[in-house]
């Protein structure tokens, strides 16, 4: 019996453990990704256990038909799971069966005929250039402690001026600073170099100059008021205050600043492949969503300004 309440045979437990070890040690996926993949597979096993009425064995997996997999997806959809979550869940399940096939255990042909649920088109909500600049410039007006104001300004500048995820910005160490560029560890442990524009570089320099804590080369350089690593929640709270002060939309979040970085670069002629590298996207298709954003902005401008609109 697993801690999720369903039973696997000893053979399946061993195969599941080997797959998880491969994800972590060989493919070097992040702990959160491994956790998500584990949850995806366990949901399928729980579904099969309910149908079988007992322990799930390897023979049960070999007997799976496309209809069984469609029934599982239909049950998940009835539970309120959306297409994006279903698609991601199916990726985790396919990863497990691919592991079994690579190791000569079994091949599940039924899985190859299952279509990945179509993800709804979601467009990032970018700020305007003026809104993004105002958010960075206004931090000083909302914070009396100079070093805290400098810290928050630097973090927000990294999200908009370098396109970092908030988790990436808060994980930076002094060792990651290399004069004109940053060494950033992104999703899946992928490392990329991001060039620093002067405004972002100056913001970081000002923070390091005012920070009251001793910062070693290997520890996160952004600190809370008690000296520990800065919490993402505090940055979110700062953006909430900026939204209120500047009348920014509710979509003005730390991640929206990263979206704005990419959208504004593309709007000024930035190369899509270069933007992919700067954002740390594994796939160009993820970056291509910004082409839709730019098109929407152009159409909106036409609708507002063209005399025949």
C-alpha atoms as a PDB file:
ATOM      1  CA  UNK A   1       0.000   0.000   0.000  1.00  0.00           C
ATOM      2  CA  UNK A   2       1.322   3.460  -0.868  1.00  0.00           C
ATOM      3  CA  UNK A   3       0.785   6.622   1.137  1.00  0.00           C
ATOM      4  CA  UNK A   4      -1.859   7.607  -1.439  1.00  0.00           C
ATOM      5  CA  UNK A   5      -4.068   4.700  -0.420  1.00  0.00           C
ATOM      6  CA  UNK A   6      -3.675   2.219  -3.315  1.00  0.00           C
ATOM      7  CA  UNK A   7      -1.610  -0.943  -3.580  1.00  0.00           C
ATOM      8  CA  UNK A   8       1.137  -1.814  -6.058  1.00  0.00           C
ATOM      9  CA  UNK A   9       2.824  -5.170  -6.514  1.00  0.00           C
ATOM     10  CA  UNK A  10       6.458  -5.449  -5.451  1.00  0.00           C
ATOM     11  CA  UNK A  11       7.470  -5.489  -9.138  1.00  0.00           C
ATOM     12  CA  UNK A  12       5.663  -2.213  -9.847  1.00  0.00           C
ATOM     13  CA  UNK A  13       7.061  -0.621  -6.709  1.00  0.00           C
ATOM     14  CA  UNK A  14      10.567  -1.470  -7.896  1.00  0.00           C
ATOM     15  CA  UNK A  15       9.908  -0.152 -11.412  1.00  0.00           C
ATOM     16  CA  UNK A  16       8.348   3.023 -10.063  1.00  0.00           C
ATOM     17  CA  UNK A  17      11.359   3.616  -7.803  1.00  0.00           C
ATOM     18  CA  UNK A  18      13.768   3.078 -10.711  1.00  0.00           C
ATOM     19  CA  UNK A  19      11.865   5.566 -12.838  1.00  0.00           C
ATOM     20  CA  UNK A  20      11.929   8.204 -10.097  1.00  0.00           C
ATOM     21  CA  UNK A  21      15.655   7.662  -9.608  1.00  0.00           C
ATOM     22  CA  UNK A  22      16.187   8.161 -13.344  1.00  0.00           C
ATOM     23  CA  UNK A  23      14.218  11.416 -13.314  1.00  0.00           C
ATOM     24  CA  UNK A  24      16.307  12.806 -10.466  1.00  0.00           C
ATOM     25  CA  UNK A  25      19.796  11.411 -11.021  1.00  0.00           C
ATOM     26  CA  UNK A  26      20.028  11.010 -14.799  1.00  0.00           C
ATOM     27  CA  UNK A  27      17.571  13.464 -16.306  1.00  0.00           C
ATOM     28  CA  UNK A  28      18.230  15.860 -13.413  1.00  0.00           C
ATOM     29  CA  UNK A  29      14.678  17.181 -13.283  1.00  0.00           C
ATOM     30  CA  UNK A  30      13.866  19.598 -10.498  1.00  0.00           C
ATOM     31  CA  UNK A  31      12.370  18.171  -7.268  1.00  0.00           C
ATOM     32  CA  UNK A  32       9.063  19.901  -8.036  1.00  0.00           C
ATOM     33  CA  UNK A  33       8.894  18.312 -11.489  1.00  0.00           C
ATOM     34  CA  UNK A  34       9.660  14.871 -10.070  1.00  0.00           C
ATOM     35  CA  UNK A  35       6.966  15.409  -7.452  1.00  0.00           C
ATOM     36  CA  UNK A  36       4.449  16.376 -10.148  1.00  0.00           C
ATOM     37  CA  UNK A  37       5.335  13.351 -12.313  1.00  0.00           C
ATOM     38  CA  UNK A  38       4.982  11.073  -9.293  1.00  0.00           C
ATOM     39  CA  UNK A  39       1.540  12.490  -8.574  1.00  0.00           C
ATOM     40  CA  UNK A  40       0.521  12.018 -12.212  1.00  0.00           C
ATOM     41  CA  UNK A  41       1.452   8.337 -12.235  1.00  0.00           C
ATOM     42  CA  UNK A  42      -0.094   7.686  -8.833  1.00  0.00           C
ATOM     43  CA  UNK A  43      -3.408   9.112 -10.021  1.00  0.00           C
ATOM     44  CA  UNK A  44      -3.469   6.557 -12.832  1.00  0.00           C
ATOM     45  CA  UNK A  45      -2.544   3.758 -10.426  1.00  0.00           C
ATOM     46  CA  UNK A  46      -5.309   4.812  -8.018  1.00  0.00           C
ATOM     47  CA  UNK A  47      -7.799   4.768 -10.901  1.00  0.00           C
ATOM     48  CA  UNK A  48      -6.681   1.280 -11.990  1.00  0.00           C
ATOM     49  CA  UNK A  49      -6.750   0.012  -8.414  1.00  0.00           C
ATOM     50  CA  UNK A  50     -10.355   1.132  -8.138  1.00  0.00           C
ATOM     51  CA  UNK A  51     -11.286  -0.737 -11.310  1.00  0.00           C
ATOM     52  CA  UNK A  52      -9.372  -3.867 -10.359  1.00  0.00           C
ATOM     53  CA  UNK A  53     -10.469  -3.764  -6.761  1.00  0.00           C
ATOM     54  CA  UNK A  54      -7.024  -4.539  -5.415  1.00  0.00           C
ATOM     55  CA  UNK A  55      -3.297  -4.494  -6.071  1.00  0.00           C
ATOM     56  CA  UNK A  56      -2.093  -3.185  -9.430  1.00  0.00           C
ATOM     57  CA  UNK A  57       0.465  -5.463 -11.090  1.00  0.00           C
ATOM     58  CA  UNK A  58       2.581  -5.234 -14.220  1.00  0.00           C
ATOM     59  CA  UNK A  59       0.167  -7.540 -16.033  1.00  0.00           C
ATOM     60  CA  UNK A  60      -2.594  -4.982 -15.476  1.00  0.00           C
ATOM     61  CA  UNK A  61      -0.514  -2.350 -17.228  1.00  0.00           C
ATOM     62  CA  UNK A  62       0.179  -4.676 -20.151  1.00  0.00           C
ATOM     63  CA  UNK A  63      -3.579  -5.216 -20.549  1.00  0.00           C
ATOM     64  CA  UNK A  64      -4.363  -1.499 -20.722  1.00  0.00           C
ATOM     65  CA  UNK A  65      -6.364  -0.437 -23.767  1.00  0.00           C
ATOM     66  CA  UNK A  66      -6.836   3.017 -25.246  1.00  0.00           C
ATOM     67  CA  UNK A  67     -10.411   2.937 -23.916  1.00  0.00           C
ATOM     68  CA  UNK A  68      -9.078   2.465 -20.367  1.00  0.00           C
ATOM     69  CA  UNK A  69      -6.806   5.486 -20.696  1.00  0.00           C
ATOM     70  CA  UNK A  70      -9.608   7.603 -22.148  1.00  0.00           C
ATOM     71  CA  UNK A  71     -11.821   6.552 -19.231  1.00  0.00           C
ATOM     72  CA  UNK A  72      -9.105   7.693 -16.826  1.00  0.00           C
ATOM     73  CA  UNK A  73      -8.815  11.094 -18.531  1.00  0.00           C
ATOM     74  CA  UNK A  74     -12.608  11.429 -18.582  1.00  0.00           C
ATOM     75  CA  UNK A  75     -12.745  10.698 -14.847  1.00  0.00           C
ATOM     76  CA  UNK A  76     -10.104  13.355 -14.200  1.00  0.00           C
ATOM     77  CA  UNK A  77     -12.051  15.857 -16.272  1.00  0.00           C
ATOM     78  CA  UNK A  78     -15.224  15.086 -14.276  1.00  0.00           C
ATOM     79  CA  UNK A  79     -13.205  15.942 -11.165  1.00  0.00           C
ATOM     80  CA  UNK A  80     -12.768  19.437 -12.570  1.00  0.00           C
ATOM     81  CA  UNK A  81      -9.245  19.043 -13.966  1.00  0.00           C
ATOM     82  CA  UNK A  82      -8.601  21.393 -16.895  1.00  0.00           C
ATOM     83  CA  UNK A  83      -6.927  20.621 -20.196  1.00  0.00           C
ATOM     84  CA  UNK A  84      -3.553  22.095 -19.200  1.00  0.00           C
ATOM     85  CA  UNK A  85      -3.358  19.914 -16.074  1.00  0.00           C
ATOM     86  CA  UNK A  86      -4.526  16.855 -17.998  1.00  0.00           C
ATOM     87  CA  UNK A  87      -1.868  17.417 -20.650  1.00  0.00           C
ATOM     88  CA  UNK A  88       0.852  17.792 -18.051  1.00  0.00           C
ATOM     89  CA  UNK A  89      -0.413  14.714 -16.205  1.00  0.00           C
ATOM     90  CA  UNK A  90      -0.331  12.667 -19.382  1.00  0.00           C
ATOM     91  CA  UNK A  91       3.294  13.725 -19.890  1.00  0.00           C
ATOM     92  CA  UNK A  92       4.220  12.232 -16.517  1.00  0.00           C
ATOM     93  CA  UNK A  93       2.436   8.974 -17.319  1.00  0.00           C
ATOM     94  CA  UNK A  94       4.084   8.735 -20.746  1.00  0.00           C
ATOM     95  CA  UNK A  95       7.463   9.295 -19.094  1.00  0.00           C
ATOM     96  CA  UNK A  96       6.928   6.241 -16.868  1.00  0.00           C
ATOM     97  CA  UNK A  97       5.905   3.981 -19.745  1.00  0.00           C
ATOM     98  CA  UNK A  98       8.784   5.251 -21.866  1.00  0.00           C
ATOM     99  CA  UNK A  99      11.087   4.243 -18.994  1.00  0.00           C
ATOM    100  CA  UNK A 100       9.583   0.745 -19.009  1.00  0.00           C
ATOM    101  CA  UNK A 101      10.057   0.459 -22.774  1.00  0.00           C
ATOM    102  CA  UNK A 102      13.684   1.669 -22.654  1.00  0.00           C
ATOM    103  CA  UNK A 103      14.441  -0.974 -20.067  1.00  0.00           C
ATOM    104  CA  UNK A 104      12.812  -3.775 -22.061  1.00  0.00           C
ATOM    105  CA  UNK A 105       9.976  -4.294 -19.564  1.00  0.00           C
ATOM    106  CA  UNK A 106       6.986  -3.587 -21.807  1.00  0.00           C
ATOM    107  CA  UNK A 107       5.670  -1.296 -24.513  1.00  0.00           C
ATOM    108  CA  UNK A 108       2.187   0.183 -24.276  1.00  0.00           C
ATOM    109  CA  UNK A 109       0.891   0.818 -27.784  1.00  0.00           C
ATOM    110  CA  UNK A 110      -2.440   2.086 -26.467  1.00  0.00           C
ATOM    111  CA  UNK A 111      -0.718   5.181 -25.103  1.00  0.00           C
ATOM    112  CA  UNK A 112       0.487   6.201 -28.569  1.00  0.00           C
ATOM    113  CA  UNK A 113      -3.066   6.681 -29.860  1.00  0.00           C
ATOM    114  CA  UNK A 114      -4.151   8.912 -26.982  1.00  0.00           C
ATOM    115  CA  UNK A 115      -4.186  12.549 -28.038  1.00  0.00           C
ATOM    116  CA  UNK A 116      -2.813  15.079 -25.627  1.00  0.00           C
ATOM    117  CA  UNK A 117      -5.670  17.332 -24.429  1.00  0.00           C
ATOM    118  CA  UNK A 118      -5.518  20.642 -26.241  1.00  0.00           C
ATOM    119  CA  UNK A 119      -4.265  23.368 -23.966  1.00  0.00           C
ATOM    120  CA  UNK A 120      -6.275  26.586 -24.008  1.00  0.00           C
ATOM    121  CA  UNK A 121      -4.418  29.493 -25.540  1.00  0.00           C
ATOM    122  CA  UNK A 122      -3.239  31.713 -22.711  1.00  0.00           C
ATOM    123  CA  UNK A 123      -1.603  35.035 -23.421  1.00  0.00           C
ATOM    124  CA  UNK A 124       0.750  36.674 -20.929  1.00  0.00           C
ATOM    125  CA  UNK A 125      -0.500  40.019 -19.631  1.00  0.00           C
ATOM    126  CA  UNK A 126       2.337  42.467 -20.128  1.00  0.00           C
ATOM    127  CA  UNK A 127       2.596  45.937 -18.647  1.00  0.00           C
ATOM    128  CA  UNK A 128       3.254  48.910 -20.842  1.00  0.00           C
ATOM    129  CA  UNK A 129       6.787  50.282 -20.938  1.00  0.00           C
ATOM    130  CA  UNK A 130       5.657  53.272 -18.867  1.00  0.00           C
ATOM    131  CA  UNK A 131       3.976  51.072 -16.256  1.00  0.00           C
ATOM    132  CA  UNK A 132       7.024  48.822 -15.908  1.00  0.00           C
ATOM    133  CA  UNK A 133       9.403  51.772 -15.532  1.00  0.00           C
ATOM    134  CA  UNK A 134       7.075  53.481 -13.042  1.00  0.00           C
ATOM    135  CA  UNK A 135       6.939  50.333 -10.892  1.00  0.00           C
ATOM    136  CA  UNK A 136      10.732  50.295 -10.620  1.00  0.00           C
ATOM    137  CA  UNK A 137      11.075  54.044 -10.055  1.00  0.00           C
ATOM    138  CA  UNK A 138       8.363  54.269  -7.379  1.00  0.00           C
ATOM    139  CA  UNK A 139       9.746  51.769  -4.840  1.00  0.00           C
ATOM    140  CA  UNK A 140      11.734  54.537  -3.107  1.00  0.00           C
ATOM    141  CA  UNK A 141       8.500  56.410  -2.392  1.00  0.00           C
ATOM    142  CA  UNK A 142       6.941  53.441  -0.585  1.00  0.00           C
ATOM    143  CA  UNK A 143       9.853  52.397   1.642  1.00  0.00           C
ATOM    144  CA  UNK A 144      11.622  54.489   4.300  1.00  0.00           C
ATOM    145  CA  UNK A 145      14.568  52.126   4.785  1.00  0.00           C
ATOM    146  CA  UNK A 146      17.047  52.886   1.992  1.00  0.00           C
ATOM    147  CA  UNK A 147      18.564  49.406   1.857  1.00  0.00           C
ATOM    148  CA  UNK A 148      15.143  47.707   1.649  1.00  0.00           C
ATOM    149  CA  UNK A 149      14.085  50.121  -1.096  1.00  0.00           C
ATOM    150  CA  UNK A 150      17.319  49.363  -2.958  1.00  0.00           C
ATOM    151  CA  UNK A 151      16.779  45.629  -2.511  1.00  0.00           C
ATOM    152  CA  UNK A 152      13.218  45.661  -3.858  1.00  0.00           C
ATOM    153  CA  UNK A 153      14.204  47.952  -6.718  1.00  0.00           C
ATOM    154  CA  UNK A 154      16.969  45.533  -7.718  1.00  0.00           C
ATOM    155  CA  UNK A 155      14.682  42.485  -7.584  1.00  0.00           C
ATOM    156  CA  UNK A 156      11.965  44.160  -9.646  1.00  0.00           C
ATOM    157  CA  UNK A 157      14.597  45.450 -12.082  1.00  0.00           C
ATOM    158  CA  UNK A 158      15.879  41.891 -12.564  1.00  0.00           C
ATOM    159  CA  UNK A 159      12.381  40.644 -13.414  1.00  0.00           C
ATOM    160  CA  UNK A 160      11.769  43.371 -15.983  1.00  0.00           C
ATOM    161  CA  UNK A 161      15.284  44.291 -17.096  1.00  0.00           C
ATOM    162  CA  UNK A 162      16.688  40.748 -17.310  1.00  0.00           C
ATOM    163  CA  UNK A 163      13.552  38.636 -17.682  1.00  0.00           C
ATOM    164  CA  UNK A 164      14.178  36.526 -14.573  1.00  0.00           C
ATOM    165  CA  UNK A 165      11.586  34.465 -12.771  1.00  0.00           C
ATOM    166  CA  UNK A 166      11.176  35.676  -9.197  1.00  0.00           C
ATOM    167  CA  UNK A 167      12.618  32.373  -7.924  1.00  0.00           C
ATOM    168  CA  UNK A 168      15.679  32.849 -10.146  1.00  0.00           C
ATOM    169  CA  UNK A 169      16.234  36.409  -8.936  1.00  0.00           C
ATOM    170  CA  UNK A 170      16.006  35.439  -5.270  1.00  0.00           C
ATOM    171  CA  UNK A 171      18.391  32.508  -5.734  1.00  0.00           C
ATOM    172  CA  UNK A 172      21.187  34.696  -7.141  1.00  0.00           C
ATOM    173  CA  UNK A 173      24.481  34.826  -5.269  1.00  0.00           C
ATOM    174  CA  UNK A 174      27.378  37.238  -5.567  1.00  0.00           C
ATOM    175  CA  UNK A 175      29.235  34.472  -7.367  1.00  0.00           C
ATOM    176  CA  UNK A 176      26.593  34.594 -10.116  1.00  0.00           C
ATOM    177  CA  UNK A 177      27.502  38.200 -10.917  1.00  0.00           C
ATOM    178  CA  UNK A 178      30.077  38.462 -13.647  1.00  0.00           C
ATOM    179  CA  UNK A 179      30.433  42.119 -14.479  1.00  0.00           C
ATOM    180  CA  UNK A 180      28.326  42.443 -17.602  1.00  0.00           C
ATOM    181  CA  UNK A 181      26.243  39.277 -17.164  1.00  0.00           C
ATOM    182  CA  UNK A 182      24.474  36.965 -14.733  1.00  0.00           C
ATOM    183  CA  UNK A 183      24.696  33.225 -14.307  1.00  0.00           C
ATOM    184  CA  UNK A 184      21.112  32.058 -13.811  1.00  0.00           C
ATOM    185  CA  UNK A 185      19.955  28.573 -12.806  1.00  0.00           C
ATOM    186  CA  UNK A 186      16.483  28.066 -14.233  1.00  0.00           C
ATOM    187  CA  UNK A 187      13.898  25.305 -14.383  1.00  0.00           C
ATOM    188  CA  UNK A 188      15.266  21.790 -14.555  1.00  0.00           C
ATOM    189  CA  UNK A 189      18.655  23.057 -13.383  1.00  0.00           C
ATOM    190  CA  UNK A 190      19.357  24.606 -16.805  1.00  0.00           C
ATOM    191  CA  UNK A 191      22.049  27.282 -16.588  1.00  0.00           C
ATOM    192  CA  UNK A 192      22.058  30.360 -18.825  1.00  0.00           C
ATOM    193  CA  UNK A 193      24.002  33.603 -19.042  1.00  0.00           C
ATOM    194  CA  UNK A 194      21.908  36.765 -19.103  1.00  0.00           C
ATOM    195  CA  UNK A 195      23.502  40.095 -20.071  1.00  0.00           C
ATOM    196  CA  UNK A 196      22.898  42.973 -17.648  1.00  0.00           C
ATOM    197  CA  UNK A 197      21.860  46.362 -18.933  1.00  0.00           C
ATOM    198  CA  UNK A 198      23.304  49.346 -17.086  1.00  0.00           C
ATOM    199  CA  UNK A 199      20.096  50.173 -15.173  1.00  0.00           C
ATOM    200  CA  UNK A 200      19.859  46.676 -13.707  1.00  0.00           C
ATOM    201  CA  UNK A 201      23.571  46.543 -12.940  1.00  0.00           C
ATOM    202  CA  UNK A 202      23.362  49.888 -11.133  1.00  0.00           C
ATOM    203  CA  UNK A 203      20.344  48.734  -9.101  1.00  0.00           C
ATOM    204  CA  UNK A 204      22.212  45.632  -7.922  1.00  0.00           C
ATOM    205  CA  UNK A 205      25.334  47.657  -7.113  1.00  0.00           C
ATOM    206  CA  UNK A 206      23.310  50.120  -5.050  1.00  0.00           C
ATOM    207  CA  UNK A 207      21.677  47.297  -3.086  1.00  0.00           C
ATOM    208  CA  UNK A 208      25.002  45.582  -2.366  1.00  0.00           C
ATOM    209  CA  UNK A 209      26.429  48.903  -1.214  1.00  0.00           C
ATOM    210  CA  UNK A 210      23.584  49.498   1.276  1.00  0.00           C
ATOM    211  CA  UNK A 211      22.859  45.926   2.433  1.00  0.00           C
ATOM    212  CA  UNK A 212      23.640  45.710   6.181  1.00  0.00           C
ATOM    213  CA  UNK A 213      24.423  41.986   6.141  1.00  0.00           C
ATOM    214  CA  UNK A 214      27.642  40.176   5.279  1.00  0.00           C
ATOM    215  CA  UNK A 215      27.001  38.322   2.023  1.00  0.00           C
ATOM    216  CA  UNK A 216      29.155  35.325   1.219  1.00  0.00           C
ATOM    217  CA  UNK A 217      29.819  34.444  -2.413  1.00  0.00           C
ATOM    218  CA  UNK A 218      27.684  31.289  -2.297  1.00  0.00           C
ATOM    219  CA  UNK A 219      24.603  32.458  -0.364  1.00  0.00           C
ATOM    220  CA  UNK A 220      21.488  34.186  -1.775  1.00  0.00           C
ATOM    221  CA  UNK A 221      22.301  37.889  -1.864  1.00  0.00           C
ATOM    222  CA  UNK A 222      18.774  39.235  -1.407  1.00  0.00           C
ATOM    223  CA  UNK A 223      17.918  39.233   2.300  1.00  0.00           C
ATOM    224  CA  UNK A 224      14.945  39.880   4.517  1.00  0.00           C
ATOM    225  CA  UNK A 225      15.113  42.402   7.343  1.00  0.00           C
ATOM    226  CA  UNK A 226      16.266  39.694   9.780  1.00  0.00           C
ATOM    227  CA  UNK A 227      19.060  38.538   7.507  1.00  0.00           C
ATOM    228  CA  UNK A 228      17.513  35.380   6.073  1.00  0.00           C
ATOM    229  CA  UNK A 229      16.832  34.762   2.368  1.00  0.00           C
ATOM    230  CA  UNK A 230      14.208  37.102   0.966  1.00  0.00           C
ATOM    231  CA  UNK A 231      10.756  35.533   0.625  1.00  0.00           C
ATOM    232  CA  UNK A 232       8.940  35.737  -2.742  1.00  0.00           C
ATOM    233  CA  UNK A 233       5.846  36.728  -0.780  1.00  0.00           C
ATOM    234  CA  UNK A 234       7.493  39.994   0.276  1.00  0.00           C
ATOM    235  CA  UNK A 235       8.151  40.874  -3.353  1.00  0.00           C
ATOM    236  CA  UNK A 236       4.527  40.101  -4.195  1.00  0.00           C
ATOM    237  CA  UNK A 237       3.400  42.373  -1.354  1.00  0.00           C
ATOM    238  CA  UNK A 238       5.633  45.141  -2.710  1.00  0.00           C
ATOM    239  CA  UNK A 239       4.016  44.779  -6.150  1.00  0.00           C
ATOM    240  CA  UNK A 240       0.577  44.955  -4.530  1.00  0.00           C
ATOM    241  CA  UNK A 241       1.540  48.267  -2.962  1.00  0.00           C
ATOM    242  CA  UNK A 242       2.844  49.516  -6.297  1.00  0.00           C
ATOM    243  CA  UNK A 243      -0.376  48.484  -8.026  1.00  0.00           C
ATOM    244  CA  UNK A 244      -2.340  50.529  -5.512  1.00  0.00           C
ATOM    245  CA  UNK A 245      -0.029  53.551  -5.693  1.00  0.00           C
ATOM    246  CA  UNK A 246       0.184  53.659  -9.485  1.00  0.00           C
ATOM    247  CA  UNK A 247      -3.235  52.342 -10.421  1.00  0.00           C
ATOM    248  CA  UNK A 248      -1.722  49.331 -12.178  1.00  0.00           C
ATOM    249  CA  UNK A 249      -3.923  46.388 -13.207  1.00  0.00           C
ATOM    250  CA  UNK A 250      -4.289  43.325 -10.977  1.00  0.00           C
ATOM    251  CA  UNK A 251      -2.193  41.436 -13.525  1.00  0.00           C
ATOM    252  CA  UNK A 252       0.894  43.463 -12.497  1.00  0.00           C
ATOM    253  CA  UNK A 253       2.762  40.668 -10.717  1.00  0.00           C
ATOM    254  CA  UNK A 254       6.470  39.787 -10.572  1.00  0.00           C
ATOM    255  CA  UNK A 255       5.895  37.267 -13.365  1.00  0.00           C
ATOM    256  CA  UNK A 256       4.100  39.896 -15.449  1.00  0.00           C
ATOM    257  CA  UNK A 257       7.326  41.911 -15.403  1.00  0.00           C
ATOM    258  CA  UNK A 258       9.120  38.923 -16.982  1.00  0.00           C
ATOM    259  CA  UNK A 259       6.359  38.727 -19.594  1.00  0.00           C
ATOM    260  CA  UNK A 260       6.772  42.451 -20.198  1.00  0.00           C
ATOM    261  CA  UNK A 261      10.522  41.989 -20.726  1.00  0.00           C
ATOM    262  CA  UNK A 262       9.914  39.478 -23.524  1.00  0.00           C
ATOM    263  CA  UNK A 263       6.984  41.340 -25.090  1.00  0.00           C
ATOM    264  CA  UNK A 264       8.818  44.656 -25.210  1.00  0.00           C
ATOM    265  CA  UNK A 265      11.947  43.062 -26.685  1.00  0.00           C
ATOM    266  CA  UNK A 266       9.901  41.371 -29.391  1.00  0.00           C
ATOM    267  CA  UNK A 267       7.972  44.558 -30.083  1.00  0.00           C
ATOM    268  CA  UNK A 268      11.250  46.370 -30.752  1.00  0.00           C
ATOM    269  CA  UNK A 269      12.534  43.785 -33.178  1.00  0.00           C
ATOM    270  CA  UNK A 270      14.176  41.285 -30.821  1.00  0.00           C
ATOM    271  CA  UNK A 271      14.999  37.890 -32.319  1.00  0.00           C
ATOM    272  CA  UNK A 272      12.705  35.125 -31.057  1.00  0.00           C
ATOM    273  CA  UNK A 273      15.564  32.638 -30.636  1.00  0.00           C
ATOM    274  CA  UNK A 274      17.566  35.169 -28.620  1.00  0.00           C
ATOM    275  CA  UNK A 275      14.538  35.873 -26.417  1.00  0.00           C
ATOM    276  CA  UNK A 276      14.143  32.121 -25.894  1.00  0.00           C
ATOM    277  CA  UNK A 277      17.720  31.936 -24.607  1.00  0.00           C
ATOM    278  CA  UNK A 278      17.266  34.968 -22.353  1.00  0.00           C
ATOM    279  CA  UNK A 279      14.094  33.539 -20.801  1.00  0.00           C
ATOM    280  CA  UNK A 280      15.547  30.059 -20.380  1.00  0.00           C
ATOM    281  CA  UNK A 281      12.721  28.349 -22.281  1.00  0.00           C
ATOM    282  CA  UNK A 282      13.515  24.764 -23.233  1.00  0.00           C
ATOM    283  CA  UNK A 283      11.229  24.965 -26.265  1.00  0.00           C
ATOM    284  CA  UNK A 284      10.788  27.730 -28.818  1.00  0.00           C
ATOM    285  CA  UNK A 285       7.039  27.024 -28.837  1.00  0.00           C
ATOM    286  CA  UNK A 286       6.857  28.405 -25.303  1.00  0.00           C
ATOM    287  CA  UNK A 287       8.470  31.646 -26.424  1.00  0.00           C
ATOM    288  CA  UNK A 288       6.317  31.924 -29.545  1.00  0.00           C
ATOM    289  CA  UNK A 289       3.306  32.863 -27.448  1.00  0.00           C
ATOM    290  CA  UNK A 290       4.785  36.353 -27.308  1.00  0.00           C
ATOM    291  CA  UNK A 291       4.245  36.732 -31.058  1.00  0.00           C
ATOM    292  CA  UNK A 292       0.517  36.489 -30.332  1.00  0.00           C
ATOM    293  CA  UNK A 293       0.826  39.117 -27.618  1.00  0.00           C
ATOM    294  CA  UNK A 294       2.551  41.480 -29.999  1.00  0.00           C
ATOM    295  CA  UNK A 295      -0.090  40.905 -32.674  1.00  0.00           C
ATOM    296  CA  UNK A 296      -2.849  41.658 -30.177  1.00  0.00           C
ATOM    297  CA  UNK A 297      -1.181  44.917 -29.217  1.00  0.00           C
ATOM    298  CA  UNK A 298      -0.911  45.922 -32.870  1.00  0.00           C
ATOM    299  CA  UNK A 299      -4.575  45.155 -33.484  1.00  0.00           C
ATOM    300  CA  UNK A 300      -5.540  47.082 -30.360  1.00  0.00           C
ATOM    301  CA  UNK A 301      -3.524  50.073 -31.585  1.00  0.00           C
ATOM    302  CA  UNK A 302      -5.243  49.898 -34.985  1.00  0.00           C
ATOM    303  CA  UNK A 303      -8.676  49.746 -33.332  1.00  0.00           C
ATOM    304  CA  UNK A 304      -7.955  52.806 -31.215  1.00  0.00           C
ATOM    305  CA  UNK A 305      -6.089  54.962 -33.733  1.00  0.00           C
ATOM    306  CA  UNK A 306      -7.055  54.079 -37.290  1.00  0.00           C
ATOM    307  CA  UNK A 307      -9.656  56.471 -38.749  1.00  0.00           C
ATOM    308  CA  UNK A 308     -11.543  53.590 -40.388  1.00  0.00           C
ATOM    309  CA  UNK A 309     -11.585  51.347 -37.322  1.00  0.00           C
END
